[in-house]
């Protein structure tokens, strides 16, 4: 994230906020959820949470499998 911050500063951005989030909830909301019928949405949330919880136990997962939200302001 330090490298991303350096690049953004080099482009003239001063107000830089980078938020690292787990990839499973991101994928669930962007790819899977739109395809789940409305009456099954709660089951989908529970499943995504459980998969996320299990994957976070893997030592490499949280280091290499993340989604970055980058907020920039000049």
C-alpha atoms as a PDB file:
ATOM      1  CA  UNK A   1       0.000   0.000   0.000  1.00  0.00           C
ATOM      2  CA  UNK A   2       2.985   2.261   0.540  1.00  0.00           C
ATOM      3  CA  UNK A   3       3.902   1.929  -3.143  1.00  0.00           C
ATOM      4  CA  UNK A   4       0.359   2.869  -4.183  1.00  0.00           C
ATOM      5  CA  UNK A   5       0.485   5.905  -1.890  1.00  0.00           C
ATOM      6  CA  UNK A   6       3.818   6.989  -3.400  1.00  0.00           C
ATOM      7  CA  UNK A   7       2.442   6.715  -6.951  1.00  0.00           C
ATOM      8  CA  UNK A   8      -0.682   8.697  -6.025  1.00  0.00           C
ATOM      9  CA  UNK A   9       1.391  11.407  -4.359  1.00  0.00           C
ATOM     10  CA  UNK A  10       3.557  11.540  -7.498  1.00  0.00           C
ATOM     11  CA  UNK A  11       0.389  12.218  -9.493  1.00  0.00           C
ATOM     12  CA  UNK A  12      -0.473  15.178  -7.272  1.00  0.00           C
ATOM     13  CA  UNK A  13      -2.952  13.625  -4.860  1.00  0.00           C
ATOM     14  CA  UNK A  14      -2.586  14.693  -1.231  1.00  0.00           C
ATOM     15  CA  UNK A  15      -5.676  13.274   0.474  1.00  0.00           C
ATOM     16  CA  UNK A  16      -5.146   9.520   0.034  1.00  0.00           C
ATOM     17  CA  UNK A  17      -7.129   6.842   1.832  1.00  0.00           C
ATOM     18  CA  UNK A  18      -6.620   3.137   1.109  1.00  0.00           C
ATOM     19  CA  UNK A  19      -8.924   0.595   2.733  1.00  0.00           C
ATOM     20  CA  UNK A  20      -8.062  -3.107   2.476  1.00  0.00           C
ATOM     21  CA  UNK A  21     -11.048  -5.443   2.603  1.00  0.00           C
ATOM     22  CA  UNK A  22     -11.451  -9.166   2.210  1.00  0.00           C
ATOM     23  CA  UNK A  23     -12.067 -10.372  -1.323  1.00  0.00           C
ATOM     24  CA  UNK A  24     -14.893 -12.832  -0.525  1.00  0.00           C
ATOM     25  CA  UNK A  25     -17.474 -10.215   0.552  1.00  0.00           C
ATOM     26  CA  UNK A  26     -16.461  -8.041  -2.412  1.00  0.00           C
ATOM     27  CA  UNK A  27     -16.953 -10.899  -4.879  1.00  0.00           C
ATOM     28  CA  UNK A  28     -20.179 -11.907  -3.197  1.00  0.00           C
ATOM     29  CA  UNK A  29     -21.710  -8.433  -3.516  1.00  0.00           C
ATOM     30  CA  UNK A  30     -20.448  -7.772  -7.051  1.00  0.00           C
ATOM     31  CA  UNK A  31     -20.820 -11.184  -8.720  1.00  0.00           C
ATOM     32  CA  UNK A  32     -22.833 -13.686  -6.708  1.00  0.00           C
ATOM     33  CA  UNK A  33     -25.538 -11.647  -4.945  1.00  0.00           C
ATOM     34  CA  UNK A  34     -27.118 -10.171  -8.095  1.00  0.00           C
ATOM     35  CA  UNK A  35     -27.852 -13.744  -9.210  1.00  0.00           C
ATOM     36  CA  UNK A  36     -29.476 -14.931  -5.964  1.00  0.00           C
ATOM     37  CA  UNK A  37     -33.286 -14.754  -5.739  1.00  0.00           C
ATOM     38  CA  UNK A  38     -34.454 -12.183  -3.168  1.00  0.00           C
ATOM     39  CA  UNK A  39     -35.878 -14.752  -0.766  1.00  0.00           C
ATOM     40  CA  UNK A  40     -32.457 -16.483  -0.478  1.00  0.00           C
ATOM     41  CA  UNK A  41     -30.349 -13.355   0.118  1.00  0.00           C
ATOM     42  CA  UNK A  42     -29.899 -13.971   3.869  1.00  0.00           C
ATOM     43  CA  UNK A  43     -28.607 -17.483   3.218  1.00  0.00           C
ATOM     44  CA  UNK A  44     -26.131 -16.009   0.723  1.00  0.00           C
ATOM     45  CA  UNK A  45     -24.857 -13.503   3.304  1.00  0.00           C
ATOM     46  CA  UNK A  46     -24.395 -16.267   5.872  1.00  0.00           C
ATOM     47  CA  UNK A  47     -22.550 -18.437   3.351  1.00  0.00           C
ATOM     48  CA  UNK A  48     -20.259 -15.587   2.258  1.00  0.00           C
ATOM     49  CA  UNK A  49     -19.454 -14.772   5.904  1.00  0.00           C
ATOM     50  CA  UNK A  50     -18.636 -18.408   6.660  1.00  0.00           C
ATOM     51  CA  UNK A  51     -16.398 -18.797   3.603  1.00  0.00           C
ATOM     52  CA  UNK A  52     -14.624 -15.555   4.503  1.00  0.00           C
ATOM     53  CA  UNK A  53     -14.100 -16.715   8.094  1.00  0.00           C
ATOM     54  CA  UNK A  54     -12.606 -20.014   6.941  1.00  0.00           C
ATOM     55  CA  UNK A  55     -10.341 -18.476   4.306  1.00  0.00           C
ATOM     56  CA  UNK A  56      -8.975 -15.892   6.739  1.00  0.00           C
ATOM     57  CA  UNK A  57      -7.536 -18.772   8.770  1.00  0.00           C
ATOM     58  CA  UNK A  58      -5.142 -19.477   5.893  1.00  0.00           C
ATOM     59  CA  UNK A  59      -1.917 -17.568   6.609  1.00  0.00           C
ATOM     60  CA  UNK A  60      -1.420 -16.405   3.007  1.00  0.00           C
ATOM     61  CA  UNK A  61      -5.019 -15.491   2.228  1.00  0.00           C
ATOM     62  CA  UNK A  62      -5.328 -12.111   3.936  1.00  0.00           C
ATOM     63  CA  UNK A  63      -1.929 -11.038   2.601  1.00  0.00           C
ATOM     64  CA  UNK A  64      -2.549 -11.821  -1.058  1.00  0.00           C
ATOM     65  CA  UNK A  65      -6.329 -11.940  -1.493  1.00  0.00           C
ATOM     66  CA  UNK A  66      -7.720  -8.534  -0.756  1.00  0.00           C
ATOM     67  CA  UNK A  67      -9.686  -5.805  -2.415  1.00  0.00           C
ATOM     68  CA  UNK A  68      -8.417  -2.244  -2.102  1.00  0.00           C
ATOM     69  CA  UNK A  69     -10.739   0.731  -2.038  1.00  0.00           C
ATOM     70  CA  UNK A  70      -8.665   3.789  -2.947  1.00  0.00           C
ATOM     71  CA  UNK A  71     -10.053   7.262  -2.258  1.00  0.00           C
ATOM     72  CA  UNK A  72      -8.135  10.181  -3.754  1.00  0.00           C
ATOM     73  CA  UNK A  73      -8.541  13.951  -3.598  1.00  0.00           C
ATOM     74  CA  UNK A  74      -6.367  16.689  -5.057  1.00  0.00           C
END
